[in-house]
Structure formats: structure tokens, C-alpha cells
Amino acid sequence: MSDVILEATSLVKHFGGSDSWFGKTPKVQAVDGVSLRVRRGETFAIVGESGCGKSTLARLLMRLLEPTSGAVMFEGKEVSSVSGDALKTLRRDMQFIFQDPFSSLNPRMSVGKLVGEPLEVHAPDMSAQHRRDKVAELLRKVGLRPEHAGRYPHEFSGGQRQRIGIARALASGPKLIIGDEPVSALDVSVQAQVINLMGDLSRDLGLTLVIIAHDLGVIRHMSDRVAVMYLGRIVEMGRTEEVFANPRHPYTQALLASIPSMDGSDAARRPVVLGEMPSPSNPPSGCRFHTRCPHAQGRCKEESPTLGSYEDGVACHFWETLAIDTPLPIPSPRSDATQARFALYRAATEGGTVTHKKPQPETATKQHREDHL
């Protein structure tokens, strides 16, 4: 069995560009030549600004959208060519967690019906009692109670609804789960709970995760490898620790340096990014980042750089000369409660001990402020 469970080759998705009563619509190049490999059992993250094509790429990998060109392979089989029973099997093995946990759940269906529906589709011979027992088991697995099966989505909080979505995704026994910003709509403390849950399930069930996100703190704490997207293309890819410790592409450097520090000491050394991201309907020639890059040269405007690898690379002509003199700030959770949860998760997965600095008492904090006045 191959170590690679999911592979995309030169994946392209364009929207528009056709004639209509109002003239020819502009062609939006949402994804333009993306190639990547996801290994079995790993957590692979895709990050970038809003509008860079992350969600479109996730839907292409899942075959919720048909590509303009290119191919997606799942366990050695091309996703776009399957149909009938083979497509049904693909839907069982690949599941999707949507960004908004409320809009992705049918408000007219009870939780038991929502979680049990995949069992009706993929295990039609399962008895009603066995299905109810399985639903109860799934709800326990995601931190809910079996009696919640009789309630409806509107009766739950955002974090609980996302847990319901995860339970529904787990019902078919998938090998791969793709999450399109699964925690971005949740509060920070709830984000940590859902992130820890997904990490625990990945480890316990042997799942492969592909996570779409823009929160760099989330990515750093839960992913093994990361791909950075800009305007429809991947500009850097590598192991998460290496990308965060030594970002090679100017866009990655700017993305990480944009994370503010509490004292503002890093403001003077942040890489400069000029202007705003161009429209995907009219992307720049050559390197798509050259219109905002302070290091751009003539070659950047004419020649498009290549990533060089499906698993590790950087799409920049001059990245070897762009070494960072001082380390960039490493993003950390934004509250003590969140930091504690991440520490517990790391200890559970790495087998270490948890050491977490407790917040200072109010009297000590007040005295500290007075000493610095």
C-alpha cells in the first residue's frame, strides 16, 4: 500500500469566461496549477489570505467541484473518473467538515438522524437498533451525550454543532477528512477544544486530515506539513516546524511576521508587503507575488517560478538570498486557557509533562503596572 493517500497534479479551476446576454464574463483563476501529496496518517494544512483559492482547492480534492484541468488521485485512483458504486465508496472514504457548523446541518433533522444518515446510505443492512447504538457511540466519541440524539441543531452552541458535524463525518468510517476552516467560526477557547478533539481522533482512528485555515496558531499546533497559497498557487510547502522557523518565500515571511506581539517589539523588522492582493480574474504575469514583493526583479515579472517538489519547495527565484536576520515571532494561542489546552494536547501526543505558567494575581499585576509608570 502506497504511503501517499491523496495526490493532486497540475490542478486548475477557472470560473466564468463564457459568453452571456451581458457580454463575456471575466475568467476567475481560483486555482491555477496546484500539485501536492498528502501522506497517510498525517495532518496537512493549507493556509493563505482570504480569496487565495484554499476553499476551492479543498472542494476540488473532495470532488465537490469538477476541475478545469489536472487530476486528483485518492489511493492511486483518479477521483474524476469514478462513478456509480465506486463514487459511493469514495464518498464513504473521504468526508468533509464545513466552515459553518449551523448552515451545514439540516435544521429539520434531529442530531440522531443527521449522524445516522451516512449509516443508512453506506450500511443499509444495519438494523435500526444497531444504528442507534452506533450514533450514541459517535456522540460519545466527540464529547456529546447519547441523549443529545433527540435534539435539533438550534439547541446547541457553535462548538457543539461542530462536534455534531465531526460525528457525522466519522459515521461512514472515512480514511481522509478535509476540513474547510472548521474552527474559524468559533470562539477561541472553543477552537482549542475542537482542535484537540480532531487531533485525538486522528491519532486514535488513524485518520488523515487536510485542514484549510488562516489562523497560523491553529496550523502550527496541529499540522505536520503546511502549504502556503497565494492567488491560486502554492508558493511554499514543507514541514510545519521548518516553515515557521525559517520561512523562505517573501510572502510566507510577511504572513508570519504580521502576527502582532504583545509589546510591539517586532514592528520595525516586519517584511514589507506592498498594496493589496491582485484580482484572480487578472493575475500578474510571471511570479504572482511580484507586484507586492519588495525584492522583485525583472525576472520575476517575466518568468513564473516553480515549486520544485510535491512535498517540499519554494516558488521564488531568489529565496536563497532572502535569509532573515532575526527570527520571526512564533504565533502562540491568544489566551492562558487556550495555551493550557494546547499544552495538554501536546503532552498527550508526545508523552511529556505539562508546565503552564499561571497568570499573576491581580495585586501583583497592579503593582507591576505601577512600577513601570
Protein backbone atom coordinates (compact mmCIF):
# COMPACT_ATOMS: atom_id res chain seq x y z
CA MET A 1 0.00 0.00 0.00
CA SER A 2 1.37 3.39 -1.02
CA ASP A 3 2.30 5.88 1.68
CA VAL A 4 0.58 8.64 -0.35
CA ILE A 5 -3.18 8.67 0.17
CA LEU A 6 -4.07 11.86 -1.76
CA GLU A 7 -2.28 13.50 -4.69
CA ALA A 8 -3.12 16.48 -6.88
CA THR A 9 -1.31 17.07 -10.17
CA SER A 10 -1.39 20.43 -12.00
CA LEU A 11 -4.86 21.13 -10.65
CA VAL A 12 -6.67 24.05 -12.31
CA LYS A 13 -10.11 25.53 -11.67
CA HIS A 14 -11.36 28.60 -13.56
CA PHE A 15 -14.78 30.16 -13.15
CA GLY A 16 -16.55 32.30 -15.74
CA GLY A 17 -15.00 33.27 -19.06
CA SER A 18 -18.15 32.40 -21.03
CA ASP A 19 -20.48 34.47 -23.20
CA SER A 20 -23.78 35.66 -21.76
CA TRP A 21 -26.51 38.18 -22.55
CA PHE A 22 -24.42 40.81 -20.77
CA GLY A 23 -21.20 40.04 -22.65
CA LYS A 24 -18.29 37.78 -21.77
CA THR A 25 -17.87 37.19 -18.05
CA PRO A 26 -14.35 37.54 -16.62
CA LYS A 27 -12.43 34.32 -16.07
CA VAL A 28 -11.51 33.89 -12.41
CA GLN A 29 -8.41 31.74 -11.96
CA ALA A 30 -9.27 30.39 -8.50
CA VAL A 31 -6.77 27.51 -8.57
CA ASP A 32 -4.01 27.53 -11.16
CA GLY A 33 -1.57 24.64 -11.35
CA VAL A 34 -1.53 23.19 -7.81
CA SER A 35 0.38 19.96 -7.17
CA LEU A 36 0.69 18.32 -3.76
CA ARG A 37 0.86 14.98 -1.96
CA VAL A 38 -0.68 14.04 1.38
CA ARG A 39 0.77 11.08 3.24
CA ARG A 40 -1.33 8.55 5.05
CA GLY A 41 -1.92 9.44 8.71
CA GLU A 42 -0.54 12.99 8.59
CA THR A 43 -2.23 16.34 9.14
CA PHE A 44 -1.69 18.56 6.12
CA ALA A 45 -2.56 22.26 6.31
CA ILE A 46 -3.26 24.79 3.55
CA VAL A 47 -3.02 28.45 4.56
CA GLY A 48 -3.27 31.83 2.88
CA GLU A 49 -5.22 35.08 2.69
CA SER A 50 -8.94 35.14 2.01
CA GLY A 51 -9.52 34.77 -1.72
CA CYS A 52 -6.33 32.83 -2.45
CA GLY A 53 -8.22 29.68 -3.50
CA LYS A 54 -7.97 27.50 -0.38
CA SER A 55 -11.64 26.53 -0.18
CA THR A 56 -11.87 25.93 -3.93
CA LEU A 57 -8.86 23.63 -3.70
CA ALA A 58 -10.49 21.71 -0.83
CA ARG A 59 -13.65 21.17 -2.88
CA LEU A 60 -11.62 20.02 -5.87
CA LEU A 61 -9.81 17.46 -3.72
CA MET A 62 -13.18 16.22 -2.48
CA ARG A 63 -14.75 16.31 -5.96
CA LEU A 64 -17.41 18.73 -4.85
CA LEU A 65 -16.20 20.75 -7.86
CA GLU A 66 -15.01 19.44 -11.22
CA PRO A 67 -11.53 20.70 -12.22
CA THR A 68 -10.91 22.67 -15.39
CA SER A 69 -7.80 20.52 -15.88
CA GLY A 70 -5.44 18.41 -13.84
CA ALA A 71 -6.08 15.31 -11.76
CA VAL A 72 -6.76 14.23 -8.18
CA MET A 73 -5.73 10.73 -7.11
CA PHE A 74 -7.07 9.03 -3.98
CA GLU A 75 -5.30 5.80 -3.08
CA GLY A 76 -3.99 5.56 -6.64
CA LYS A 77 -7.37 6.04 -8.36
CA GLU A 78 -8.34 9.18 -10.23
CA VAL A 79 -11.22 10.86 -8.43
CA SER A 80 -12.80 12.48 -11.50
CA SER A 81 -13.21 9.17 -13.36
CA VAL A 82 -15.18 7.22 -10.75
CA SER A 83 -18.95 6.80 -10.83
CA GLY A 84 -21.68 4.53 -9.51
CA ASP A 85 -20.60 2.21 -6.69
CA ALA A 86 -17.00 3.44 -6.94
CA LEU A 87 -18.14 7.01 -6.31
CA LYS A 88 -20.24 5.84 -3.37
CA THR A 89 -17.15 4.16 -1.90
CA LEU A 90 -15.16 7.35 -2.46
CA ARG A 91 -17.77 9.38 -0.56
CA ARG A 92 -17.51 6.88 2.30
CA ASP A 93 -13.71 7.10 2.48
CA MET A 94 -13.44 10.89 2.02
CA GLN A 95 -15.50 13.15 4.27
CA PHE A 96 -15.82 16.93 4.55
CA ILE A 97 -16.24 19.26 7.55
CA PHE A 98 -17.70 22.61 6.57
CA GLN A 99 -16.76 26.02 7.94
CA ASP A 100 -20.17 27.00 9.32
CA PRO A 101 -21.46 24.23 11.60
CA PHE A 102 -25.01 25.61 11.56
CA SER A 103 -25.61 26.06 7.84
CA SER A 104 -24.14 22.61 7.09
CA LEU A 105 -26.71 20.83 9.31
CA ASN A 106 -30.35 20.41 8.25
CA PRO A 107 -32.37 22.25 10.95
CA ARG A 108 -35.38 19.98 10.34
CA MET A 109 -33.45 16.82 11.24
CA SER A 110 -32.61 15.66 14.74
CA VAL A 111 -29.00 15.03 15.70
CA GLY A 112 -29.63 11.29 15.69
CA LYS A 113 -30.97 11.49 12.14
CA LEU A 114 -28.11 13.74 10.99
CA VAL A 115 -25.39 11.47 12.36
CA GLY A 116 -27.20 8.28 11.38
CA GLU A 117 -27.91 9.29 7.78
CA PRO A 118 -24.45 8.24 6.48
CA LEU A 119 -25.01 4.85 8.11
CA GLU A 120 -28.30 4.47 6.22
CA VAL A 121 -26.50 5.23 2.95
CA HIS A 122 -23.29 3.23 3.42
CA ALA A 123 -24.59 0.43 5.67
CA PRO A 124 -28.19 -0.15 4.54
CA ASP A 125 -28.31 -3.63 6.12
CA MET A 126 -27.63 -2.27 9.60
CA SER A 127 -30.59 -2.73 11.94
CA ALA A 128 -32.32 0.30 13.45
CA GLN A 129 -31.15 -0.62 16.96
CA HIS A 130 -27.57 -1.12 15.83
CA ARG A 131 -27.70 2.24 14.07
CA ARG A 132 -28.95 3.96 17.23
CA ASP A 133 -26.16 2.33 19.23
CA LYS A 134 -23.62 3.47 16.65
CA VAL A 135 -24.95 7.05 16.77
CA ALA A 136 -24.67 7.03 20.57
CA GLU A 137 -21.08 5.78 20.29
CA LEU A 138 -20.18 8.53 17.81
CA LEU A 139 -21.70 11.21 20.01
CA ARG A 140 -19.68 9.99 23.00
CA LYS A 141 -16.56 9.96 20.86
CA VAL A 142 -16.90 13.67 20.06
CA GLY A 143 -17.73 14.67 23.62
CA LEU A 144 -21.55 14.75 23.46
CA ARG A 145 -24.12 12.64 25.30
CA PRO A 146 -26.26 9.92 23.69
CA GLU A 147 -29.46 11.69 24.79
CA HIS A 148 -28.48 14.61 22.54
CA ALA A 149 -29.60 12.46 19.60
CA GLY A 150 -33.19 13.60 20.13
CA ARG A 151 -32.40 17.31 19.95
CA TYR A 152 -32.07 19.65 16.96
CA PRO A 153 -29.08 21.76 15.79
CA HIS A 154 -30.52 25.07 17.01
CA GLU A 155 -30.45 23.75 20.58
CA PHE A 156 -26.64 23.58 20.63
CA SER A 157 -23.77 26.06 20.82
CA GLY A 158 -21.40 26.62 17.91
CA GLY A 159 -18.75 24.29 19.31
CA GLN A 160 -21.31 21.56 19.96
CA ARG A 161 -22.69 21.91 16.42
CA GLN A 162 -19.20 21.50 15.03
CA ARG A 163 -18.82 18.33 17.13
CA ILE A 164 -22.05 17.08 15.54
CA GLY A 165 -20.55 17.78 12.12
CA ILE A 166 -17.43 15.82 13.07
CA ALA A 167 -19.53 12.91 14.34
CA ARG A 168 -21.44 12.91 11.05
CA ALA A 169 -18.15 12.88 9.11
CA LEU A 170 -16.89 9.95 11.20
CA ALA A 171 -20.06 7.88 10.76
CA SER A 172 -19.03 6.28 7.46
CA GLY A 173 -15.60 5.26 8.78
CA PRO A 174 -13.53 7.52 6.48
CA LYS A 175 -9.82 7.31 5.77
CA LEU A 176 -9.46 11.03 4.97
CA ILE A 177 -11.25 14.09 6.36
CA ILE A 178 -10.98 17.52 4.75
CA GLY A 179 -11.88 20.45 7.00
CA ASP A 180 -12.59 23.83 5.39
CA GLU A 181 -11.68 26.25 8.22
CA PRO A 182 -13.54 24.03 10.72
CA VAL A 183 -12.89 26.30 13.73
CA SER A 184 -12.84 29.81 12.25
CA ALA A 185 -16.48 30.49 13.19
CA LEU A 186 -15.92 29.50 16.84
CA ASP A 187 -14.70 31.36 19.92
CA VAL A 188 -11.01 30.99 20.75
CA SER A 189 -11.50 28.72 23.76
CA VAL A 190 -13.93 26.53 21.79
CA GLN A 191 -11.45 26.42 18.89
CA ALA A 192 -8.91 24.74 21.17
CA GLN A 193 -11.45 22.13 22.24
CA VAL A 194 -12.36 21.23 18.65
CA ILE A 195 -8.70 21.24 17.56
CA ASN A 196 -7.76 18.90 20.41
CA LEU A 197 -10.71 16.67 19.53
CA MET A 198 -9.68 16.42 15.87
CA GLY A 199 -6.09 15.68 16.87
CA ASP A 200 -7.19 12.96 19.28
CA LEU A 201 -9.47 11.37 16.69
CA SER A 202 -6.74 11.48 14.05
CA ARG A 203 -4.34 9.69 16.38
CA ASP A 204 -6.83 7.15 17.77
CA LEU A 205 -8.57 6.29 14.48
CA GLY A 206 -5.57 6.64 12.13
CA LEU A 207 -7.25 9.37 10.10
CA THR A 208 -5.55 11.59 7.55
CA LEU A 209 -6.54 15.26 7.90
CA VAL A 210 -6.37 18.08 5.36
CA ILE A 211 -7.10 21.35 7.16
CA ILE A 212 -7.85 24.66 5.41
CA ALA A 213 -7.21 27.60 7.74
CA HIS A 214 -5.94 31.15 8.01
CA ASP A 215 -5.20 31.08 11.75
CA LEU A 216 -1.46 30.41 11.92
CA GLY A 217 -1.62 29.48 15.59
CA VAL A 218 -4.04 26.66 14.76
CA ILE A 219 -1.81 25.44 11.94
CA ARG A 220 1.36 25.44 14.00
CA HIS A 221 -0.10 23.36 16.79
CA MET A 222 -1.97 20.67 14.85
CA SER A 223 -0.32 20.11 11.43
CA ASP A 224 2.65 18.04 10.29
CA ARG A 225 3.16 19.79 6.95
CA VAL A 226 1.88 23.06 5.55
CA ALA A 227 1.33 24.56 2.09
CA VAL A 228 1.13 28.35 1.72
CA MET A 229 -1.17 29.57 -1.08
CA TYR A 230 -1.17 32.91 -2.83
CA LEU A 231 -3.52 33.86 -5.67
CA GLY A 232 -4.32 30.31 -6.75
CA ARG A 233 -0.84 28.84 -6.44
CA ILE A 234 1.26 27.22 -3.74
CA VAL A 235 4.30 29.39 -3.04
CA GLU A 236 5.89 27.35 -0.26
CA MET A 237 5.50 23.88 1.17
CA GLY A 238 7.32 21.96 3.88
CA ARG A 239 7.25 20.60 7.40
CA THR A 240 5.39 22.94 9.72
CA GLU A 241 8.23 23.50 12.18
CA GLU A 242 10.67 24.30 9.37
CA VAL A 243 8.30 26.70 7.62
CA PHE A 244 7.58 28.59 10.84
CA ALA A 245 11.21 28.65 12.00
CA ASN A 246 12.73 29.52 8.62
CA PRO A 247 10.17 30.82 6.07
CA ARG A 248 11.81 31.04 2.65
CA HIS A 249 9.25 32.77 0.42
CA PRO A 250 8.80 36.56 0.91
CA TYR A 251 5.04 36.06 1.21
CA THR A 252 5.44 33.43 3.94
CA GLN A 253 7.85 35.72 5.77
CA ALA A 254 5.34 38.56 5.65
CA LEU A 255 2.45 36.29 6.62
CA LEU A 256 4.22 35.07 9.75
CA ALA A 257 5.64 38.47 10.64
CA SER A 258 2.17 40.00 10.50
CA ILE A 259 1.32 38.26 13.77
CA PRO A 260 1.47 41.05 16.36
CA SER A 261 3.47 40.71 19.56
CA MET A 262 2.20 41.95 22.88
CA ASP A 263 4.89 44.64 23.26
CA GLY A 264 5.15 45.62 19.57
CA SER A 265 8.90 44.97 19.54
CA ASP A 266 8.74 43.17 16.18
CA ALA A 267 7.06 46.00 14.26
CA ALA A 268 10.30 47.51 12.97
CA ARG A 269 11.55 44.29 11.40
CA ARG A 270 8.41 43.02 9.69
CA PRO A 271 8.85 42.35 5.97
CA VAL A 272 7.11 44.97 3.86
CA VAL A 273 4.24 43.86 1.61
CA LEU A 274 3.08 46.48 -0.87
CA GLY A 275 -0.56 47.09 -1.84
CA GLU A 276 -3.35 44.53 -1.91
CA MET A 277 -3.67 41.11 -3.48
CA PRO A 278 -4.50 41.42 -7.22
CA SER A 279 -7.77 40.14 -8.62
CA PRO A 280 -7.75 36.42 -9.56
CA SER A 281 -9.54 37.43 -12.77
CA ASN A 282 -6.46 39.40 -13.84
CA PRO A 283 -3.39 37.92 -12.11
CA PRO A 284 0.06 39.40 -12.77
CA SER A 285 2.41 37.73 -15.22
CA GLY A 286 5.45 35.82 -14.01
CA CYS A 287 5.57 35.47 -10.25
CA ARG A 288 2.14 36.42 -8.99
CA PHE A 289 3.59 37.98 -5.86
CA HIS A 290 5.99 40.34 -7.68
CA THR A 291 3.55 43.30 -7.58
CA ARG A 292 3.76 43.29 -3.75
CA CYS A 293 7.24 41.89 -3.18
CA PRO A 294 9.98 44.33 -2.06
CA HIS A 295 12.62 42.01 -3.55
CA ALA A 296 11.09 41.72 -7.04
CA GLN A 297 13.42 41.99 -10.05
CA GLY A 298 12.93 41.95 -13.80
CA ARG A 299 12.97 38.16 -13.97
CA CYS A 300 10.05 37.98 -11.54
CA LYS A 301 7.78 39.89 -13.92
CA GLU A 302 8.51 37.61 -16.86
CA GLU A 303 9.17 34.10 -15.54
CA SER A 304 6.90 32.11 -13.24
CA PRO A 305 8.88 30.27 -10.55
CA THR A 306 8.18 26.59 -9.89
CA LEU A 307 7.75 24.93 -6.52
CA GLY A 308 10.19 22.19 -7.44
CA SER A 309 8.59 19.38 -5.41
CA TYR A 310 5.24 17.86 -4.49
CA GLU A 311 6.23 17.77 -0.82
CA ASP A 312 8.83 20.44 -0.08
CA GLY A 313 9.75 23.53 -2.04
CA VAL A 314 9.53 27.28 -2.52
CA ALA A 315 8.33 29.11 -5.65
CA CYS A 316 10.73 32.05 -5.63
CA HIS A 317 13.66 32.82 -7.95
CA PHE A 318 15.77 34.44 -5.23
CA TRP A 319 14.70 32.76 -1.99
CA GLU A 320 18.25 31.63 -1.17
CA THR A 321 19.37 35.27 -0.87
CA LEU A 322 16.43 36.32 1.33
CA ALA A 323 17.69 34.98 4.66
CA ILE A 324 16.04 36.52 7.72
CA ASP A 325 18.48 38.18 10.11
CA THR A 326 16.27 37.80 13.19
CA PRO A 327 13.73 35.07 13.87
CA LEU A 328 10.12 35.89 13.20
CA PRO A 329 7.69 35.87 16.13
CA ILE A 330 6.19 32.44 16.66
CA PRO A 331 2.42 32.59 16.98
CA SER A 332 1.01 31.37 20.24
CA PRO A 333 -2.54 30.90 21.50
CA ARG A 334 -4.23 34.13 22.44
CA SER A 335 -5.23 33.31 26.00
CA ASP A 336 -3.99 31.35 29.00
CA ALA A 337 -6.91 28.93 28.73
CA THR A 338 -6.15 28.20 25.08
CA GLN A 339 -2.43 27.82 25.77
CA ALA A 340 -3.17 25.33 28.54
CA ARG A 341 -5.34 23.22 26.23
CA PHE A 342 -2.66 23.16 23.54
CA ALA A 343 -0.08 22.14 26.18
CA LEU A 344 -2.31 19.28 27.32
CA TYR A 345 -2.76 18.16 23.72
CA ARG A 346 0.98 18.19 23.03
CA ALA A 347 1.68 16.29 26.24
CA ALA A 348 -0.90 13.66 25.33
CA THR A 349 0.51 13.15 21.84
CA GLU A 350 4.21 13.39 22.71
CA GLY A 351 4.16 11.75 26.13
CA GLY A 352 5.58 14.65 28.11
CA THR A 353 4.65 16.64 31.15
CA VAL A 354 2.62 19.82 31.16
CA THR A 355 4.14 23.00 32.52
CA HIS A 356 1.97 26.05 32.16
CA LYS A 357 2.67 29.43 33.73
CA LYS A 358 -0.25 30.58 35.81
CA PRO A 359 -1.46 34.15 35.36
CA GLN A 360 -0.24 36.58 38.02
CA PRO A 361 -2.67 37.62 40.75
CA GLU A 362 -4.40 40.94 40.21
CA THR A 363 -2.47 42.57 43.07
CA ALA A 364 0.86 41.56 41.56
CA THR A 365 -0.22 42.71 38.11
CA LYS A 366 -1.33 46.06 39.55
CA GLN A 367 1.98 46.52 41.37
CA HIS A 368 3.85 45.65 38.15
CA ARG A 369 1.98 48.38 36.27
CA GLU A 370 2.67 50.92 38.97
CA ASP A 371 6.40 50.09 38.93
CA HIS A 372 6.54 50.91 35.23
CA LEU A 373 4.67 54.21 35.38
